[in-house]
C-alpha atoms as a PDB file:
ATOM      1  CA  MET A   1     -75.611-161.552 -37.345  1.00  0.00           C
ATOM      2  CA  SER A   2     -75.122-165.165 -38.296  1.00  0.00           C
ATOM      3  CA  LEU A   3     -76.885-167.626 -40.558  1.00  0.00           C
ATOM      4  CA  ARG A   4     -76.921-171.049 -38.950  1.00  0.00           C
ATOM      5  CA  LYS A   5     -78.260-174.104 -40.723  1.00  0.00           C
ATOM      6  CA  ASP A   6     -79.622-176.193 -37.908  1.00  0.00           C
ATOM      7  CA  THR A   7     -82.990-177.919 -38.021  1.00  0.00           C
ATOM      8  CA  ALA A   8     -84.318-181.139 -36.627  1.00  0.00           C
ATOM      9  CA  THR A   9     -85.195-182.554 -40.042  1.00  0.00           C
ATOM     10  CA  ARG A  10     -82.091-181.325 -41.886  1.00  0.00           C
ATOM     11  CA  LYS A  11     -84.569-180.577 -44.718  1.00  0.00           C
ATOM     12  CA  PHE A  12     -84.955-176.850 -45.004  1.00  0.00           C
ATOM     13  CA  THR A  13     -84.840-173.853 -47.217  1.00  0.00           C
ATOM     14  CA  ASP A  14     -83.539-170.557 -46.054  1.00  0.00           C
ATOM     15  CA  MET A  15     -83.022-166.979 -47.115  1.00  0.00           C
ATOM     16  CA  ASP A  16     -80.099-164.791 -46.191  1.00  0.00           C
ATOM     17  CA  ALA A  17     -80.608-161.120 -45.325  1.00  0.00           C
ATOM     18  CA  ALA A  18     -80.443-159.930 -48.940  1.00  0.00           C
ATOM     19  CA  ALA A  19     -83.004-162.520 -50.103  1.00  0.00           C
ATOM     20  CA  LEU A  20     -85.309-161.674 -47.182  1.00  0.00           C
ATOM     21  CA  ARG A  21     -85.101-157.983 -47.980  1.00  0.00           C
ATOM     22  CA  ALA A  22     -85.945-158.584 -51.647  1.00  0.00           C
ATOM     23  CA  SER A  23     -88.823-160.938 -50.796  1.00  0.00           C
ATOM     24  CA  MET A  24     -90.319-158.548 -48.247  1.00  0.00           C
ATOM     25  CA  GLY A  25     -90.075-155.771 -50.819  1.00  0.00           C
ATOM     26  CA  ARG A  26     -92.211-157.883 -53.173  1.00  0.00           C
ATOM     27  CA  PHE A  27     -94.736-158.702 -50.378  1.00  0.00           C
ATOM     28  CA  GLU A  28     -94.408-162.437 -51.155  1.00  0.00           C
ATOM     29  CA  GLY A  29     -94.502-163.973 -47.725  1.00  0.00           C
ATOM     30  CA  VAL A  30     -96.281-164.042 -44.433  1.00  0.00           C
ATOM     31  CA  CYS A  31     -94.611-163.036 -41.199  1.00  0.00           C
ATOM     32  CA  VAL A  32     -95.405-164.114 -37.652  1.00  0.00           C
ATOM     33  CA  VAL A  33     -93.833-162.194 -34.785  1.00  0.00           C
ATOM     34  CA  ALA A  34     -93.590-164.094 -31.508  1.00  0.00           C
ATOM     35  CA  THR A  35     -93.129-162.455 -28.105  1.00  0.00           C
ATOM     36  CA  VAL A  36     -93.738-163.358 -24.476  1.00  0.00           C
ATOM     37  CA  ASN A  37     -96.483-161.777 -22.362  1.00  0.00           C
ATOM     38  CA  PRO A  38     -95.704-160.590 -18.811  1.00  0.00           C
ATOM     39  CA  ASP A  39     -97.296-163.756 -17.382  1.00  0.00           C
ATOM     40  CA  GLY A  40     -95.002-165.947 -19.497  1.00  0.00           C
ATOM     41  CA  THR A  41     -97.603-166.983 -22.059  1.00  0.00           C
ATOM     42  CA  PRO A  42     -96.755-166.723 -25.768  1.00  0.00           C
ATOM     43  CA  ASP A  43     -98.003-163.974 -28.054  1.00  0.00           C
ATOM     44  CA  GLY A  44     -98.018-164.309 -31.831  1.00  0.00           C
ATOM     45  CA  SER A  45     -99.121-161.771 -34.406  1.00  0.00           C
ATOM     46  CA  ILE A  46     -99.071-161.549 -38.175  1.00  0.00           C
ATOM     47  CA  PHE A  47     -97.370-158.513 -39.716  1.00  0.00           C
ATOM     48  CA  MET A  48     -95.882-157.330 -42.984  1.00  0.00           C
ATOM     49  CA  PRO A  49     -92.363-156.197 -42.122  1.00  0.00           C
ATOM     50  CA  SER A  50     -89.905-154.270 -44.216  1.00  0.00           C
ATOM     51  CA  MET A  51     -86.122-154.182 -44.260  1.00  0.00           C
ATOM     52  CA  PRO A  52     -84.401-150.835 -44.877  1.00  0.00           C
ATOM     53  CA  ASP A  53     -81.038-152.636 -45.009  1.00  0.00           C
ATOM     54  CA  ASP A  54     -79.641-156.135 -44.442  1.00  0.00           C
ATOM     55  CA  GLU A  55     -79.319-155.665 -40.674  1.00  0.00           C
ATOM     56  CA  HIS A  56     -82.705-154.289 -39.566  1.00  0.00           C
ATOM     57  CA  VAL A  57     -86.408-155.099 -39.686  1.00  0.00           C
ATOM     58  CA  ILE A  58     -89.112-152.454 -39.448  1.00  0.00           C
ATOM     59  CA  LEU A  59     -92.503-153.211 -37.907  1.00  0.00           C
ATOM     60  CA  MET A  60     -95.388-150.752 -37.803  1.00  0.00           C
ATOM     61  CA  LEU A  61     -97.135-151.504 -34.514  1.00  0.00           C
ATOM     62  CA  ALA A  62    -100.003-149.745 -32.769  1.00  0.00           C
ATOM     63  CA  ASN A  63    -100.295-149.897 -29.000  1.00  0.00           C
ATOM     64  CA  ASN A  64    -100.923-153.636 -28.728  1.00  0.00           C
ATOM     65  CA  ASN A  65     -99.589-156.666 -26.828  1.00  0.00           C
ATOM     66  CA  THR A  66     -96.824-157.372 -29.317  1.00  0.00           C
ATOM     67  CA  ARG A  67     -95.500-153.816 -29.130  1.00  0.00           C
ATOM     68  CA  ALA A  68     -95.711-153.771 -25.320  1.00  0.00           C
ATOM     69  CA  ASN A  69     -93.887-157.111 -25.104  1.00  0.00           C
ATOM     70  CA  ILE A  70     -91.076-155.961 -27.415  1.00  0.00           C
ATOM     71  CA  GLU A  71     -90.698-152.690 -25.499  1.00  0.00           C
ATOM     72  CA  ARG A  72     -90.627-154.579 -22.179  1.00  0.00           C
ATOM     73  CA  THR A  73     -88.247-157.397 -23.157  1.00  0.00           C
ATOM     74  CA  GLY A  74     -86.331-155.799 -26.021  1.00  0.00           C
ATOM     75  CA  VAL A  75     -86.570-158.982 -28.123  1.00  0.00           C
ATOM     76  CA  ALA A  76     -88.797-160.877 -30.543  1.00  0.00           C
ATOM     77  CA  ARG A  77     -88.634-163.903 -32.824  1.00  0.00           C
ATOM     78  CA  MET A  78     -89.909-163.525 -36.361  1.00  0.00           C
ATOM     79  CA  VAL A  79     -90.766-166.297 -38.801  1.00  0.00           C
ATOM     80  CA  TYR A  80     -90.987-165.254 -42.453  1.00  0.00           C
ATOM     81  CA  ASP A  81     -92.357-167.803 -44.901  1.00  0.00           C
ATOM     82  CA  VAL A  82     -92.951-167.861 -48.640  1.00  0.00           C
ATOM     83  CA  ALA A  83     -95.085-170.915 -49.400  1.00  0.00           C
ATOM     84  CA  ASN A  84     -94.852-172.939 -52.611  1.00  0.00           C
ATOM     85  CA  PRO A  85     -97.478-175.651 -51.966  1.00  0.00           C
ATOM     86  CA  THR A  86     -97.187-177.193 -55.440  1.00  0.00           C
ATOM     87  CA  ALA A  87     -93.469-177.956 -55.148  1.00  0.00           C
ATOM     88  CA  ALA A  88     -92.747-181.661 -55.591  1.00  0.00           C
ATOM     89  CA  ASP A  89     -89.873-181.646 -53.095  1.00  0.00           C
ATOM     90  CA  LYS A  90     -90.903-181.132 -49.463  1.00  0.00           C
ATOM     91  CA  ALA A  91     -87.895-178.910 -48.760  1.00  0.00           C
ATOM     92  CA  ALA A  92     -88.899-176.579 -51.618  1.00  0.00           C
ATOM     93  CA  ARG A  93     -92.420-175.968 -50.283  1.00  0.00           C
ATOM     94  CA  HIS A  94     -91.285-173.211 -47.961  1.00  0.00           C
ATOM     95  CA  ALA A  95     -88.609-170.558 -48.245  1.00  0.00           C
ATOM     96  CA  GLY A  96     -87.863-168.025 -45.580  1.00  0.00           C
ATOM     97  CA  ALA A  97     -86.121-167.732 -42.271  1.00  0.00           C
ATOM     98  CA  ARG A  98     -86.504-167.434 -38.541  1.00  0.00           C
ATOM     99  CA  LEU A  99     -84.977-164.261 -37.137  1.00  0.00           C
ATOM    100  CA  ASP A 100     -83.943-163.362 -33.617  1.00  0.00           C
ATOM    101  CA  LEU A 101     -84.547-159.631 -33.256  1.00  0.00           C
ATOM    102  CA  ALA A 102     -83.445-157.000 -30.738  1.00  0.00           C
ATOM    103  CA  LEU A 103     -85.187-153.667 -30.274  1.00  0.00           C
ATOM    104  CA  VAL A 104     -83.201-150.608 -31.353  1.00  0.00           C
ATOM    105  CA  ARG A 105     -84.390-147.914 -28.967  1.00  0.00           C
ATOM    106  CA  PRO A 106     -84.348-144.184 -29.801  1.00  0.00           C
ATOM    107  CA  GLU A 107     -82.560-143.489 -26.530  1.00  0.00           C
ATOM    108  CA  GLY A 108     -79.632-144.936 -24.653  1.00  0.00           C
ATOM    109  CA  GLU A 109     -76.877-147.037 -26.173  1.00  0.00           C
ATOM    110  CA  THR A 110     -78.765-147.712 -29.416  1.00  0.00           C
ATOM    111  CA  ALA A 111     -79.812-144.079 -30.046  1.00  0.00           C
ATOM    112  CA  ALA A 112     -77.237-143.437 -32.789  1.00  0.00           C
ATOM    113  CA  GLU A 113     -78.154-146.668 -34.582  1.00  0.00           C
ATOM    114  CA  HIS A 114     -81.857-145.778 -34.298  1.00  0.00           C
ATOM    115  CA  GLN A 115     -81.269-142.312 -35.733  1.00  0.00           C
ATOM    116  CA  ARG A 116     -79.191-143.677 -38.635  1.00  0.00           C
ATOM    117  CA  VAL A 117     -81.867-146.210 -39.620  1.00  0.00           C
ATOM    118  CA  ALA A 118     -84.748-143.767 -39.040  1.00  0.00           C
ATOM    119  CA  GLU A 119     -83.138-141.240 -41.386  1.00  0.00           C
ATOM    120  CA  SER A 120     -83.322-143.806 -44.197  1.00  0.00           C
ATOM    121  CA  LEU A 121     -87.074-144.333 -43.750  1.00  0.00           C
ATOM    122  CA  PRO A 122     -89.424-142.304 -45.935  1.00  0.00           C
ATOM    123  CA  HIS A 123     -92.191-142.224 -43.302  1.00  0.00           C
ATOM    124  CA  MET A 124     -91.022-142.235 -39.696  1.00  0.00           C
ATOM    125  CA  ASN A 125     -93.875-142.097 -37.204  1.00  0.00           C
ATOM    126  CA  PRO A 126     -94.576-143.268 -33.636  1.00  0.00           C
ATOM    127  CA  ALA A 127     -95.820-146.684 -34.832  1.00  0.00           C
ATOM    128  CA  VAL A 128     -92.410-147.594 -36.323  1.00  0.00           C
ATOM    129  CA  MET A 129     -90.292-150.072 -34.389  1.00  0.00           C
ATOM    130  CA  ILE A 130     -86.723-150.695 -35.531  1.00  0.00           C
ATOM    131  CA  LEU A 131     -85.312-154.115 -34.702  1.00  0.00           C
ATOM    132  CA  ARG A 132     -81.773-155.366 -35.313  1.00  0.00           C
ATOM    133  CA  ILE A 133     -81.356-158.842 -36.787  1.00  0.00           C
ATOM    134  CA  GLU A 134     -79.251-160.732 -34.273  1.00  0.00           C
ATOM    135  CA  ARG A 135     -79.416-164.146 -35.916  1.00  0.00           C
ATOM    136  CA  ILE A 136     -80.967-165.765 -38.975  1.00  0.00           C
ATOM    137  CA  LEU A 137     -81.991-169.433 -38.819  1.00  0.00           C
ATOM    138  CA  PRO A 138     -83.522-171.525 -41.601  1.00  0.00           C
ATOM    139  CA  VAL A 139     -87.114-172.589 -41.856  1.00  0.00           C
ATOM    140  CA  GLY A 140     -87.304-176.325 -41.446  1.00  0.00           C
END
Protein backbone atom coordinates (compact mmCIF):
# COMPACT_ATOMS: atom_id res chain seq x y z
CA MET A 1 0.00 0.00 0.00
CA SER A 2 1.32 3.43 -0.82
CA LEU A 3 0.27 6.98 -0.06
CA ARG A 4 0.88 9.18 -3.08
CA LYS A 5 0.34 12.92 -3.01
CA ASP A 6 -0.70 13.70 -6.53
CA THR A 7 -3.60 15.97 -7.41
CA ALA A 8 -4.28 18.37 -10.21
CA THR A 9 -4.62 21.37 -7.90
CA ARG A 10 -1.75 20.49 -5.54
CA LYS A 11 -4.16 21.71 -2.81
CA PHE A 12 -5.33 18.73 -0.84
CA THR A 13 -5.74 17.17 2.52
CA ASP A 14 -5.25 13.51 3.09
CA MET A 15 -5.46 10.83 5.72
CA ASP A 16 -3.14 7.88 6.08
CA ALA A 17 -4.49 4.44 7.00
CA ALA A 18 -4.37 5.07 10.75
CA ALA A 19 -6.23 8.39 10.44
CA LEU A 20 -8.84 6.81 8.14
CA ARG A 21 -9.39 3.97 10.58
CA ALA A 22 -9.86 6.38 13.50
CA SER A 23 -12.21 8.63 11.50
CA MET A 24 -14.33 5.73 10.29
CA GLY A 25 -14.55 4.49 13.87
CA ARG A 26 -16.03 7.86 14.86
CA PHE A 27 -18.48 7.82 11.88
CA GLU A 28 -17.30 11.31 10.84
CA GLY A 29 -17.26 11.05 7.09
CA VAL A 30 -19.18 9.97 4.06
CA CYS A 31 -17.96 7.23 1.76
CA VAL A 32 -18.71 6.68 -1.91
CA VAL A 33 -17.77 3.36 -3.47
CA ALA A 34 -17.31 3.41 -7.24
CA THR A 35 -17.42 0.32 -9.46
CA VAL A 36 -18.04 -0.47 -13.11
CA ASN A 37 -21.18 -2.20 -14.38
CA PRO A 38 -20.89 -5.04 -16.92
CA ASP A 39 -21.84 -2.65 -19.74
CA GLY A 40 -19.00 -0.29 -18.78
CA THR A 41 -21.16 2.37 -17.13
CA PRO A 42 -20.17 3.68 -13.69
CA ASP A 43 -21.84 2.66 -10.46
CA GLY A 44 -21.56 4.71 -7.28
CA SER A 45 -23.03 3.98 -3.87
CA ILE A 46 -22.81 5.53 -0.44
CA PHE A 47 -21.72 3.27 2.42
CA MET A 48 -20.33 3.45 5.94
CA PRO A 49 -17.20 1.31 5.88
CA SER A 50 -15.10 0.09 8.75
CA MET A 51 -11.43 -0.79 9.02
CA PRO A 52 -10.44 -3.76 11.21
CA ASP A 53 -6.77 -2.89 10.66
CA ASP A 54 -4.68 -0.46 8.59
CA GLU A 55 -4.69 -2.68 5.50
CA HIS A 56 -8.36 -3.64 5.00
CA VAL A 57 -11.78 -2.07 4.54
CA ILE A 58 -15.00 -3.86 5.43
CA LEU A 59 -18.24 -3.19 3.54
CA MET A 60 -21.59 -4.71 4.45
CA LEU A 61 -23.32 -5.21 1.11
CA ALA A 62 -26.60 -6.90 0.25
CA ASN A 63 -27.08 -8.46 -3.17
CA ASN A 64 -26.89 -5.25 -5.18
CA ASN A 65 -25.05 -3.83 -8.21
CA THR A 66 -22.05 -2.67 -6.20
CA ARG A 67 -21.55 -6.09 -4.64
CA ALA A 68 -21.99 -7.86 -7.99
CA ASN A 69 -19.50 -5.50 -9.65
CA ILE A 70 -16.87 -6.02 -6.93
CA GLU A 71 -17.33 -9.80 -7.08
CA ARG A 72 -17.04 -9.74 -10.89
CA THR A 73 -14.06 -7.40 -11.22
CA GLY A 74 -12.37 -7.85 -7.85
CA VAL A 75 -11.78 -4.09 -7.49
CA ALA A 76 -13.40 -0.85 -6.35
CA ARG A 77 -12.45 2.77 -5.74
CA MET A 78 -13.56 4.37 -2.50
CA VAL A 79 -13.65 8.07 -1.69
CA TYR A 80 -13.87 8.92 2.01
CA ASP A 81 -14.51 12.55 2.92
CA VAL A 82 -14.86 14.47 6.16
CA ALA A 83 -16.23 17.91 5.30
CA ASN A 84 -15.37 21.09 7.21
CA PRO A 85 -17.38 23.69 5.24
CA THR A 86 -16.55 26.57 7.60
CA ALA A 87 -12.78 26.27 7.17
CA ALA A 88 -11.25 29.49 5.87
CA ASP A 89 -8.60 27.69 3.82
CA LYS A 90 -9.93 25.78 0.80
CA ALA A 91 -7.52 22.89 1.37
CA ALA A 92 -8.84 22.44 4.93
CA ARG A 93 -12.48 22.07 3.86
CA HIS A 94 -12.11 18.38 3.15
CA ALA A 95 -10.06 15.65 4.77
CA GLY A 96 -10.04 12.07 3.64
CA ALA A 97 -8.61 9.90 0.94
CA ARG A 98 -9.27 7.99 -2.23
CA LEU A 99 -8.55 4.28 -1.92
CA ASP A 100 -7.95 1.64 -4.55
CA LEU A 101 -9.37 -1.59 -3.16
CA ALA A 102 -9.01 -5.26 -4.10
CA LEU A 103 -11.46 -7.95 -3.04
CA VAL A 104 -10.13 -10.51 -0.56
CA ARG A 105 -12.01 -13.67 -1.47
CA PRO A 106 -12.73 -16.49 1.00
CA GLU A 107 -11.33 -19.00 -1.47
CA GLY A 108 -8.28 -19.27 -3.66
CA GLU A 109 -5.05 -17.37 -3.16
CA THR A 110 -6.55 -14.87 -0.70
CA ALA A 111 -8.32 -17.46 1.50
CA ALA A 112 -5.79 -17.30 4.35
CA GLU A 113 -5.87 -13.49 4.38
CA HIS A 114 -9.69 -13.57 4.36
CA GLN A 115 -9.78 -16.01 7.27
CA ARG A 116 -7.29 -13.94 9.30
CA VAL A 117 -9.29 -10.72 8.85
CA ALA A 118 -12.66 -12.46 9.34
CA GLU A 119 -11.50 -13.88 12.67
CA SER A 120 -10.96 -10.34 13.94
CA LEU A 121 -14.52 -9.27 13.12
CA PRO A 122 -17.12 -9.47 15.88
CA HIS A 123 -19.99 -10.16 13.45
CA MET A 124 -19.07 -12.09 10.32
CA ASN A 125 -22.03 -12.74 8.04
CA PRO A 126 -22.67 -13.24 4.31
CA ALA A 127 -23.07 -9.49 3.71
CA VAL A 128 -19.46 -8.76 4.77
CA MET A 129 -16.97 -8.00 2.01
CA ILE A 130 -13.29 -7.72 2.91
CA LEU A 131 -11.22 -5.48 0.65
CA ARG A 132 -7.47 -4.90 0.78
CA ILE A 133 -6.22 -1.32 0.48
CA GLU A 134 -3.91 -1.33 -2.51
CA ARG A 135 -3.23 2.39 -2.66
CA ILE A 136 -4.21 5.55 -0.79
CA LEU A 137 -4.42 8.84 -2.69
CA PRO A 138 -5.29 12.27 -1.29
CA VAL A 139 -8.54 14.09 -1.74
CA GLY A 140 -7.94 17.14 -3.86
